[in-house]
Amino acid sequence: MPSVLWLLLMVVAPLVILGVVSLASRGSYGAIVYRFEFANYARAGDAVYLPAYWRTVWIALTTTAVCALASYPVAYFIAFRAPERWKRVLLVLTVVPFWTSFLIRTYAWILLLRSEGLINSSLMSLGVVTSPLKLLYSDFAVLLGQVYGELPFMILPIYVVLERLDTRLIEASQDLGASRFWTFVKVTLPLSRPGLVAGTVLVFIPSLGAFITPDLLGGAKSVMIGNLIQNQFTQLNQPFASALSLILTGAVLLLLAVAFKAGLRTDELT
C-alpha cells in the first residue's frame, strides 16, 4: 500500500495534472484557460516542429547505436579478459563520471569543442587544419555529448549479463569445433541479448528527453523535443508544453512495451 500511494502521488497525479492542463489554452500573460479542447495536440503536428522531432529521433538512435558498439568490447573485456583484481577498479572507473555534475561535464565539452578550445588548438598546432573547425553548436557536438553521458548506462547492463554467462557453453562450442568468431556470434552474443536490450532502453529513452546537452552544445540550431518543451514552459505556454510532454511520455511507454515484448524482464533493468 505505501508503494501504491507513493506511485499515485508522485507519478500518476502529475500525469493527470499534465493531461488536464494540456486540454486548456494559454490566456493573457500566461494564464491557463480551461476550455478542454485538443488544439494543443493538433498544434504538435504542425510542420514547423517536425525538424525537432526528426532530430530527436535520429540523435537518440545514433547515440544508442554508438554506445552499443563502443560498450560491448569494454563490457566483454571486463567480464572475460580483465584480471579478477582489476574488475572492480574498471567498474568504478566506468561510473566515475557520475561523481561530477552532468552540467559541469557538459560545460567541459564546451571548453574542448569551441573554436579556441583544446581540440582545435591541437589540430592547428600540428598543422592538420589551418582554421578552427566548427565543432561546437552543431548536431555532431550534441551527439558527442550524448554518447559521453549515456555510455555507462550501456556498459553496465551488458557487463552484468556477460558476467553471469555460463562459460561452459562457450567451452562446449569451442570443443565442438566452432571458432572464436562463431562462438561469439552463435553463443555469446545471443545470450547477452537481455543486456543489450536493457542498455538500449536505458540509453534511448533518456536521449529522447535530453535538453541540457542540446541546449549547451547544440545551440539554437540543434533544438530537440526536450528543448521545445523547456522553451514552451519558459514562455508560460504550459498547455502546449504539457501536450508535448504527454506525447513524449506516450512514446516512452510504447518503447518500454516493445522492450518487454522483446523479452526484457523487470529484473534486467535493475
C-alpha atoms as a PDB file:
ATOM      1  CA  MET A   1       0.000   0.000   0.000  1.00  0.00           C
ATOM      2  CA  PRO A   2       2.752   2.578   0.756  1.00  0.00           C
ATOM      3  CA  SER A   3       4.300   1.851  -2.657  1.00  0.00           C
ATOM      4  CA  VAL A   4       0.947   2.254  -4.398  1.00  0.00           C
ATOM      5  CA  LEU A   5       0.272   5.537  -2.607  1.00  0.00           C
ATOM      6  CA  TRP A   6       3.744   6.796  -3.490  1.00  0.00           C
ATOM      7  CA  LEU A   7       3.248   5.941  -7.181  1.00  0.00           C
ATOM      8  CA  LEU A   8      -0.191   7.562  -7.198  1.00  0.00           C
ATOM      9  CA  LEU A   9       1.166  10.737  -5.600  1.00  0.00           C
ATOM     10  CA  MET A  10       4.470  11.088  -7.451  1.00  0.00           C
ATOM     11  CA  VAL A  11       3.715   9.522 -10.864  1.00  0.00           C
ATOM     12  CA  VAL A  12       0.012   9.281 -11.611  1.00  0.00           C
ATOM     13  CA  ALA A  13      -1.059  12.613 -10.085  1.00  0.00           C
ATOM     14  CA  PRO A  14       1.487  14.722 -12.054  1.00  0.00           C
ATOM     15  CA  LEU A  15       0.457  12.968 -15.276  1.00  0.00           C
ATOM     16  CA  VAL A  16      -3.195  13.685 -14.556  1.00  0.00           C
ATOM     17  CA  ILE A  17      -2.345  17.351 -13.951  1.00  0.00           C
ATOM     18  CA  LEU A  18      -0.416  17.478 -17.229  1.00  0.00           C
ATOM     19  CA  GLY A  19      -3.352  15.860 -19.010  1.00  0.00           C
ATOM     20  CA  VAL A  20      -5.804  18.433 -17.663  1.00  0.00           C
ATOM     21  CA  VAL A  21      -3.515  21.372 -18.465  1.00  0.00           C
ATOM     22  CA  SER A  22      -2.800  20.008 -21.963  1.00  0.00           C
ATOM     23  CA  LEU A  23      -6.515  20.337 -22.790  1.00  0.00           C
ATOM     24  CA  ALA A  24      -6.534  24.004 -21.758  1.00  0.00           C
ATOM     25  CA  SER A  25      -5.246  27.029 -23.651  1.00  0.00           C
ATOM     26  CA  ARG A  26      -2.960  29.940 -22.918  1.00  0.00           C
ATOM     27  CA  GLY A  27      -4.639  33.154 -21.857  1.00  0.00           C
ATOM     28  CA  SER A  28      -3.341  36.658 -21.343  1.00  0.00           C
ATOM     29  CA  TYR A  29       0.001  36.994 -19.530  1.00  0.00           C
ATOM     30  CA  GLY A  30       0.456  33.211 -19.423  1.00  0.00           C
ATOM     31  CA  ALA A  31      -2.786  32.454 -17.618  1.00  0.00           C
ATOM     32  CA  ILE A  32      -4.302  28.989 -18.153  1.00  0.00           C
ATOM     33  CA  VAL A  33      -7.802  28.989 -19.630  1.00  0.00           C
ATOM     34  CA  TYR A  34      -9.543  25.657 -19.114  1.00  0.00           C
ATOM     35  CA  ARG A  35     -11.519  25.073 -22.317  1.00  0.00           C
ATOM     36  CA  PHE A  36     -10.851  21.313 -22.606  1.00  0.00           C
ATOM     37  CA  GLU A  37     -10.049  21.061 -26.306  1.00  0.00           C
ATOM     38  CA  PHE A  38      -7.427  19.175 -28.291  1.00  0.00           C
ATOM     39  CA  ALA A  39      -5.938  22.193 -30.056  1.00  0.00           C
ATOM     40  CA  ASN A  40      -2.536  21.714 -28.417  1.00  0.00           C
ATOM     41  CA  TYR A  41      -2.246  18.152 -29.698  1.00  0.00           C
ATOM     42  CA  ALA A  42      -3.226  19.316 -33.177  1.00  0.00           C
ATOM     43  CA  ARG A  43      -0.610  22.064 -32.959  1.00  0.00           C
ATOM     44  CA  ALA A  44       2.023  19.476 -32.008  1.00  0.00           C
ATOM     45  CA  GLY A  45       1.631  18.023 -35.503  1.00  0.00           C
ATOM     46  CA  ASP A  46       2.485  21.330 -37.177  1.00  0.00           C
ATOM     47  CA  ALA A  47       5.238  21.036 -39.773  1.00  0.00           C
ATOM     48  CA  VAL A  48       7.319  23.689 -38.014  1.00  0.00           C
ATOM     49  CA  TYR A  49       8.071  21.225 -35.206  1.00  0.00           C
ATOM     50  CA  LEU A  50       8.901  18.259 -37.441  1.00  0.00           C
ATOM     51  CA  PRO A  51      12.655  19.089 -37.675  1.00  0.00           C
ATOM     52  CA  ALA A  52      12.888  18.974 -33.866  1.00  0.00           C
ATOM     53  CA  TYR A  53      11.092  15.613 -33.784  1.00  0.00           C
ATOM     54  CA  TRP A  54      13.283  14.181 -36.520  1.00  0.00           C
ATOM     55  CA  ARG A  55      16.475  15.474 -34.887  1.00  0.00           C
ATOM     56  CA  THR A  56      15.407  13.959 -31.574  1.00  0.00           C
ATOM     57  CA  VAL A  57      14.782  10.537 -33.108  1.00  0.00           C
ATOM     58  CA  TRP A  58      17.941  10.281 -35.182  1.00  0.00           C
ATOM     59  CA  ILE A  59      20.227  11.610 -32.450  1.00  0.00           C
ATOM     60  CA  ALA A  60      18.664   9.196 -29.935  1.00  0.00           C
ATOM     61  CA  LEU A  61      19.013   6.271 -32.373  1.00  0.00           C
ATOM     62  CA  THR A  62      22.587   7.164 -33.302  1.00  0.00           C
ATOM     63  CA  THR A  63      23.534   7.676 -29.648  1.00  0.00           C
ATOM     64  CA  THR A  64      22.168   4.241 -28.799  1.00  0.00           C
ATOM     65  CA  ALA A  65      23.945   2.563 -31.725  1.00  0.00           C
ATOM     66  CA  VAL A  66      27.304   4.212 -30.992  1.00  0.00           C
ATOM     67  CA  CYS A  67      27.000   3.406 -27.281  1.00  0.00           C
ATOM     68  CA  ALA A  68      26.255  -0.246 -28.090  1.00  0.00           C
ATOM     69  CA  LEU A  69      29.219  -0.557 -30.461  1.00  0.00           C
ATOM     70  CA  ALA A  70      31.583   1.155 -28.028  1.00  0.00           C
ATOM     71  CA  SER A  71      30.271  -0.506 -24.852  1.00  0.00           C
ATOM     72  CA  TYR A  72      30.202  -4.160 -25.853  1.00  0.00           C
ATOM     73  CA  PRO A  73      34.004  -4.543 -26.247  1.00  0.00           C
ATOM     74  CA  VAL A  74      34.527  -2.748 -22.925  1.00  0.00           C
ATOM     75  CA  ALA A  75      31.985  -4.916 -21.097  1.00  0.00           C
ATOM     76  CA  TYR A  76      33.383  -8.053 -22.771  1.00  0.00           C
ATOM     77  CA  PHE A  77      36.927  -7.209 -21.718  1.00  0.00           C
ATOM     78  CA  ILE A  78      35.934  -6.521 -18.113  1.00  0.00           C
ATOM     79  CA  ALA A  79      33.855  -9.707 -17.889  1.00  0.00           C
ATOM     80  CA  PHE A  80      36.190 -12.198 -19.627  1.00  0.00           C
ATOM     81  CA  ARG A  81      39.647 -10.743 -20.102  1.00  0.00           C
ATOM     82  CA  ALA A  82      40.400  -8.458 -17.159  1.00  0.00           C
ATOM     83  CA  PRO A  83      42.176  -9.991 -14.142  1.00  0.00           C
ATOM     84  CA  GLU A  84      39.852 -10.565 -11.205  1.00  0.00           C
ATOM     85  CA  ARG A  85      41.609  -7.970  -9.026  1.00  0.00           C
ATOM     86  CA  TRP A  86      41.097  -5.292 -11.705  1.00  0.00           C
ATOM     87  CA  LYS A  87      37.421  -5.871 -12.445  1.00  0.00           C
ATOM     88  CA  ARG A  88      36.150  -3.804  -9.545  1.00  0.00           C
ATOM     89  CA  VAL A  89      38.581  -0.997 -10.360  1.00  0.00           C
ATOM     90  CA  LEU A  90      37.449  -0.904 -14.000  1.00  0.00           C
ATOM     91  CA  LEU A  91      33.786  -0.855 -12.975  1.00  0.00           C
ATOM     92  CA  VAL A  92      34.457   2.042 -10.612  1.00  0.00           C
ATOM     93  CA  LEU A  93      36.214   3.916 -13.426  1.00  0.00           C
ATOM     94  CA  THR A  94      33.136   3.325 -15.578  1.00  0.00           C
ATOM     95  CA  VAL A  95      30.887   5.168 -13.117  1.00  0.00           C
ATOM     96  CA  VAL A  96      33.425   7.832 -12.074  1.00  0.00           C
ATOM     97  CA  PRO A  97      31.807  10.449 -14.382  1.00  0.00           C
ATOM     98  CA  PHE A  98      28.640  10.191 -12.289  1.00  0.00           C
ATOM     99  CA  TRP A  99      30.563  11.640  -9.358  1.00  0.00           C
ATOM    100  CA  THR A 100      30.545  15.007 -11.115  1.00  0.00           C
ATOM    101  CA  SER A 101      27.511  17.053 -12.083  1.00  0.00           C
ATOM    102  CA  PHE A 102      26.314  16.351 -15.626  1.00  0.00           C
ATOM    103  CA  LEU A 103      26.054  20.100 -16.182  1.00  0.00           C
ATOM    104  CA  ILE A 104      29.717  20.609 -15.301  1.00  0.00           C
ATOM    105  CA  ARG A 105      30.752  17.747 -17.590  1.00  0.00           C
ATOM    106  CA  THR A 106      28.769  19.307 -20.422  1.00  0.00           C
ATOM    107  CA  TYR A 107      30.472  22.670 -19.867  1.00  0.00           C
ATOM    108  CA  ALA A 108      33.808  20.826 -20.064  1.00  0.00           C
ATOM    109  CA  TRP A 109      32.891  19.717 -23.592  1.00  0.00           C
ATOM    110  CA  ILE A 110      32.320  23.367 -24.487  1.00  0.00           C
ATOM    111  CA  LEU A 111      35.911  24.113 -23.487  1.00  0.00           C
ATOM    112  CA  LEU A 112      37.106  21.230 -25.657  1.00  0.00           C
ATOM    113  CA  LEU A 113      34.980  21.895 -28.758  1.00  0.00           C
ATOM    114  CA  ARG A 114      34.939  25.688 -29.082  1.00  0.00           C
ATOM    115  CA  SER A 115      36.999  27.439 -31.767  1.00  0.00           C
ATOM    116  CA  GLU A 116      39.853  28.270 -29.379  1.00  0.00           C
ATOM    117  CA  GLY A 117      39.411  25.046 -27.408  1.00  0.00           C
ATOM    118  CA  LEU A 118      41.845  22.215 -26.835  1.00  0.00           C
ATOM    119  CA  ILE A 119      40.879  20.157 -29.888  1.00  0.00           C
ATOM    120  CA  ASN A 120      41.114  22.981 -32.412  1.00  0.00           C
ATOM    121  CA  SER A 121      44.268  24.363 -30.803  1.00  0.00           C
ATOM    122  CA  SER A 122      45.949  20.953 -31.001  1.00  0.00           C
ATOM    123  CA  LEU A 123      44.928  20.382 -34.623  1.00  0.00           C
ATOM    124  CA  MET A 124      46.161  23.825 -35.663  1.00  0.00           C
ATOM    125  CA  SER A 125      49.457  23.468 -33.809  1.00  0.00           C
ATOM    126  CA  LEU A 126      50.044  20.124 -35.559  1.00  0.00           C
ATOM    127  CA  GLY A 127      49.245  21.675 -38.919  1.00  0.00           C
ATOM    128  CA  VAL A 128      46.296  19.363 -39.565  1.00  0.00           C
ATOM    129  CA  VAL A 129      43.963  22.313 -40.164  1.00  0.00           C
ATOM    130  CA  THR A 130      44.622  25.946 -40.995  1.00  0.00           C
ATOM    131  CA  SER A 131      41.474  27.366 -39.409  1.00  0.00           C
ATOM    132  CA  PRO A 132      39.353  26.213 -36.465  1.00  0.00           C
ATOM    133  CA  LEU A 133      36.778  23.537 -37.190  1.00  0.00           C
ATOM    134  CA  LYS A 134      33.175  24.336 -36.379  1.00  0.00           C
ATOM    135  CA  LEU A 135      32.639  21.629 -33.771  1.00  0.00           C
ATOM    136  CA  LEU A 136      30.555  23.427 -31.184  1.00  0.00           C
ATOM    137  CA  TYR A 137      26.871  24.343 -31.681  1.00  0.00           C
ATOM    138  CA  SER A 138      26.193  21.506 -34.105  1.00  0.00           C
ATOM    139  CA  ASP A 139      24.412  18.165 -34.182  1.00  0.00           C
ATOM    140  CA  PHE A 140      27.827  16.498 -34.004  1.00  0.00           C
ATOM    141  CA  ALA A 141      28.556  18.197 -30.676  1.00  0.00           C
ATOM    142  CA  VAL A 142      25.152  17.134 -29.337  1.00  0.00           C
ATOM    143  CA  LEU A 143      25.731  13.547 -30.424  1.00  0.00           C
ATOM    144  CA  LEU A 144      29.202  13.516 -28.882  1.00  0.00           C
ATOM    145  CA  GLY A 145      27.884  14.868 -25.584  1.00  0.00           C
ATOM    146  CA  GLN A 146      25.009  12.393 -25.569  1.00  0.00           C
ATOM    147  CA  VAL A 147      27.281   9.406 -26.185  1.00  0.00           C
ATOM    148  CA  TYR A 148      29.654  10.538 -23.458  1.00  0.00           C
ATOM    149  CA  GLY A 149      26.838  10.987 -20.959  1.00  0.00           C
ATOM    150  CA  GLU A 150      24.949   7.761 -21.724  1.00  0.00           C
ATOM    151  CA  LEU A 151      27.856   5.346 -22.256  1.00  0.00           C
ATOM    152  CA  PRO A 152      27.928   3.885 -18.702  1.00  0.00           C
ATOM    153  CA  PHE A 153      24.235   3.025 -18.965  1.00  0.00           C
ATOM    154  CA  MET A 154      25.098   0.666 -21.823  1.00  0.00           C
ATOM    155  CA  ILE A 155      28.306  -0.799 -20.384  1.00  0.00           C
ATOM    156  CA  LEU A 156      26.891  -1.887 -17.029  1.00  0.00           C
ATOM    157  CA  PRO A 157      23.846  -3.927 -18.220  1.00  0.00           C
ATOM    158  CA  ILE A 158      25.941  -5.740 -20.830  1.00  0.00           C
ATOM    159  CA  TYR A 159      28.639  -6.471 -18.260  1.00  0.00           C
ATOM    160  CA  VAL A 160      26.127  -7.868 -15.758  1.00  0.00           C
ATOM    161  CA  VAL A 161      24.742 -10.314 -18.331  1.00  0.00           C
ATOM    162  CA  LEU A 162      28.195 -11.371 -19.564  1.00  0.00           C
ATOM    163  CA  GLU A 163      29.445 -11.839 -16.006  1.00  0.00           C
ATOM    164  CA  ARG A 164      26.565 -14.238 -15.279  1.00  0.00           C
ATOM    165  CA  LEU A 165      27.080 -16.156 -18.509  1.00  0.00           C
ATOM    166  CA  ASP A 166      27.836 -19.849 -18.080  1.00  0.00           C
ATOM    167  CA  THR A 167      31.342 -20.167 -19.554  1.00  0.00           C
ATOM    168  CA  ARG A 168      30.806 -23.902 -20.011  1.00  0.00           C
ATOM    169  CA  LEU A 169      28.589 -23.078 -23.001  1.00  0.00           C
ATOM    170  CA  ILE A 170      31.471 -21.200 -24.632  1.00  0.00           C
ATOM    171  CA  GLU A 171      33.860 -24.071 -23.906  1.00  0.00           C
ATOM    172  CA  ALA A 172      31.376 -26.587 -25.321  1.00  0.00           C
ATOM    173  CA  SER A 173      31.039 -24.560 -28.516  1.00  0.00           C
ATOM    174  CA  GLN A 174      34.794 -24.479 -28.992  1.00  0.00           C
ATOM    175  CA  ASP A 175      35.107 -28.197 -28.154  1.00  0.00           C
ATOM    176  CA  LEU A 176      32.590 -28.921 -30.908  1.00  0.00           C
ATOM    177  CA  GLY A 177      34.822 -27.178 -33.441  1.00  0.00           C
ATOM    178  CA  ALA A 178      33.469 -23.627 -33.556  1.00  0.00           C
ATOM    179  CA  SER A 179      35.991 -20.831 -33.948  1.00  0.00           C
ATOM    180  CA  ARG A 180      36.115 -17.922 -31.541  1.00  0.00           C
ATOM    181  CA  PHE A 181      34.234 -15.765 -34.024  1.00  0.00           C
ATOM    182  CA  TRP A 182      31.346 -18.206 -34.493  1.00  0.00           C
ATOM    183  CA  THR A 183      31.276 -18.955 -30.778  1.00  0.00           C
ATOM    184  CA  PHE A 184      30.760 -15.266 -30.198  1.00  0.00           C
ATOM    185  CA  VAL A 185      28.120 -14.975 -32.951  1.00  0.00           C
ATOM    186  CA  LYS A 186      26.184 -18.127 -32.081  1.00  0.00           C
ATOM    187  CA  VAL A 187      26.603 -18.309 -28.291  1.00  0.00           C
ATOM    188  CA  THR A 188      27.888 -15.192 -26.541  1.00  0.00           C
ATOM    189  CA  LEU A 189      26.006 -12.526 -28.496  1.00  0.00           C
ATOM    190  CA  PRO A 190      22.552 -14.202 -28.342  1.00  0.00           C
ATOM    191  CA  LEU A 191      22.916 -14.920 -24.619  1.00  0.00           C
ATOM    192  CA  SER A 192      23.889 -11.300 -23.976  1.00  0.00           C
ATOM    193  CA  ARG A 193      20.737 -10.006 -25.692  1.00  0.00           C
ATOM    194  CA  PRO A 194      18.977  -9.087 -22.396  1.00  0.00           C
ATOM    195  CA  GLY A 195      21.889  -6.790 -21.519  1.00  0.00           C
ATOM    196  CA  LEU A 196      21.784  -5.166 -24.941  1.00  0.00           C
ATOM    197  CA  VAL A 197      18.028  -4.662 -24.723  1.00  0.00           C
ATOM    198  CA  ALA A 198      18.291  -3.212 -21.212  1.00  0.00           C
ATOM    199  CA  GLY A 199      21.138  -0.925 -22.273  1.00  0.00           C
ATOM    200  CA  THR A 200      19.192   0.197 -25.321  1.00  0.00           C
ATOM    201  CA  VAL A 201      16.215   1.144 -23.163  1.00  0.00           C
ATOM    202  CA  LEU A 202      18.392   2.935 -20.596  1.00  0.00           C
ATOM    203  CA  VAL A 203      20.178   4.947 -23.307  1.00  0.00           C
ATOM    204  CA  PHE A 204      17.489   5.586 -25.905  1.00  0.00           C
ATOM    205  CA  ILE A 205      14.742   6.788 -23.561  1.00  0.00           C
ATOM    206  CA  PRO A 206      16.850   9.451 -21.744  1.00  0.00           C
ATOM    207  CA  SER A 207      18.208  10.554 -25.125  1.00  0.00           C
ATOM    208  CA  LEU A 208      14.665  11.266 -26.319  1.00  0.00           C
ATOM    209  CA  GLY A 209      14.055  13.734 -23.495  1.00  0.00           C
ATOM    210  CA  ALA A 210      17.504  15.316 -23.368  1.00  0.00           C
ATOM    211  CA  PHE A 211      17.596  19.099 -23.223  1.00  0.00           C
ATOM    212  CA  ILE A 212      20.768  20.135 -21.347  1.00  0.00           C
ATOM    213  CA  THR A 213      23.190  18.718 -23.916  1.00  0.00           C
ATOM    214  CA  PRO A 214      21.336  20.091 -26.984  1.00  0.00           C
ATOM    215  CA  ASP A 215      20.900  23.446 -25.261  1.00  0.00           C
ATOM    216  CA  LEU A 216      24.571  23.900 -24.332  1.00  0.00           C
ATOM    217  CA  LEU A 217      26.352  22.061 -27.153  1.00  0.00           C
ATOM    218  CA  GLY A 218      23.835  22.456 -29.973  1.00  0.00           C
ATOM    219  CA  GLY A 219      22.577  25.986 -29.513  1.00  0.00           C
ATOM    220  CA  ALA A 220      19.562  27.270 -31.398  1.00  0.00           C
ATOM    221  CA  LYS A 221      20.316  25.153 -34.480  1.00  0.00           C
ATOM    222  CA  SER A 222      20.010  21.777 -32.711  1.00  0.00           C
ATOM    223  CA  VAL A 223      16.655  22.004 -30.959  1.00  0.00           C
ATOM    224  CA  MET A 224      15.239  18.685 -29.750  1.00  0.00           C
ATOM    225  CA  ILE A 225      11.841  17.959 -28.274  1.00  0.00           C
ATOM    226  CA  GLY A 226      13.208  18.398 -24.746  1.00  0.00           C
ATOM    227  CA  ASN A 227      14.314  21.943 -25.614  1.00  0.00           C
ATOM    228  CA  LEU A 228      10.948  22.580 -27.236  1.00  0.00           C
ATOM    229  CA  ILE A 229       9.132  21.589 -24.043  1.00  0.00           C
ATOM    230  CA  GLN A 230      11.506  23.667 -21.933  1.00  0.00           C
ATOM    231  CA  ASN A 231      11.052  26.723 -24.152  1.00  0.00           C
ATOM    232  CA  GLN A 232       7.271  26.458 -24.038  1.00  0.00           C
ATOM    233  CA  PHE A 233       7.270  26.310 -20.251  1.00  0.00           C
ATOM    234  CA  THR A 234       9.664  29.271 -20.157  1.00  0.00           C
ATOM    235  CA  GLN A 235       7.279  31.232 -22.389  1.00  0.00           C
ATOM    236  CA  LEU A 236       4.445  30.398 -19.969  1.00  0.00           C
ATOM    237  CA  ASN A 237       2.677  28.275 -22.551  1.00  0.00           C
ATOM    238  CA  GLN A 238       2.008  25.446 -20.103  1.00  0.00           C
ATOM    239  CA  PRO A 239      -0.866  23.844 -22.080  1.00  0.00           C
ATOM    240  CA  PHE A 240       1.199  23.261 -25.221  1.00  0.00           C
ATOM    241  CA  ALA A 241       4.238  22.191 -23.189  1.00  0.00           C
ATOM    242  CA  SER A 242       2.055  19.717 -21.267  1.00  0.00           C
ATOM    243  CA  ALA A 243       0.716  18.268 -24.515  1.00  0.00           C
ATOM    244  CA  LEU A 244       4.259  17.784 -25.838  1.00  0.00           C
ATOM    245  CA  SER A 245       5.293  16.213 -22.531  1.00  0.00           C
ATOM    246  CA  LEU A 246       2.446  13.711 -22.684  1.00  0.00           C
ATOM    247  CA  ILE A 247       3.253  12.852 -26.294  1.00  0.00           C
ATOM    248  CA  LEU A 248       6.855  12.183 -25.283  1.00  0.00           C
ATOM    249  CA  THR A 249       5.661  10.128 -22.296  1.00  0.00           C
ATOM    250  CA  GLY A 250       3.424   8.083 -24.581  1.00  0.00           C
ATOM    251  CA  ALA A 251       6.358   7.414 -26.908  1.00  0.00           C
ATOM    252  CA  VAL A 252       8.493   6.277 -23.971  1.00  0.00           C
ATOM    253  CA  LEU A 253       5.755   3.938 -22.688  1.00  0.00           C
ATOM    254  CA  LEU A 254       5.381   2.498 -26.176  1.00  0.00           C
ATOM    255  CA  LEU A 255       9.118   1.819 -26.350  1.00  0.00           C
ATOM    256  CA  LEU A 256       9.042   0.143 -22.941  1.00  0.00           C
ATOM    257  CA  ALA A 257       6.166  -2.055 -24.104  1.00  0.00           C
ATOM    258  CA  VAL A 258       8.190  -3.058 -27.167  1.00  0.00           C
ATOM    259  CA  ALA A 259      11.201  -3.822 -24.948  1.00  0.00           C
ATOM    260  CA  PHE A 260       9.151  -6.035 -22.639  1.00  0.00           C
ATOM    261  CA  LYS A 261       7.621  -7.719 -25.680  1.00  0.00           C
ATOM    262  CA  ALA A 262      11.151  -8.458 -26.855  1.00  0.00           C
ATOM    263  CA  GLY A 263      11.717 -10.457 -23.689  1.00  0.00           C
ATOM    264  CA  LEU A 264      13.095  -7.883 -21.287  1.00  0.00           C
ATOM    265  CA  ARG A 265      12.119  -8.657 -17.710  1.00  0.00           C
ATOM    266  CA  THR A 266      11.805  -6.097 -14.949  1.00  0.00           C
ATOM    267  CA  ASP A 267      14.782  -7.526 -13.036  1.00  0.00           C
ATOM    268  CA  GLU A 268      17.026  -6.941 -16.057  1.00  0.00           C
ATOM    269  CA  LEU A 269      16.565  -3.189 -15.688  1.00  0.00           C
ATOM    270  CA  THR A 270      17.911  -3.236 -12.105  1.00  0.00           C
END
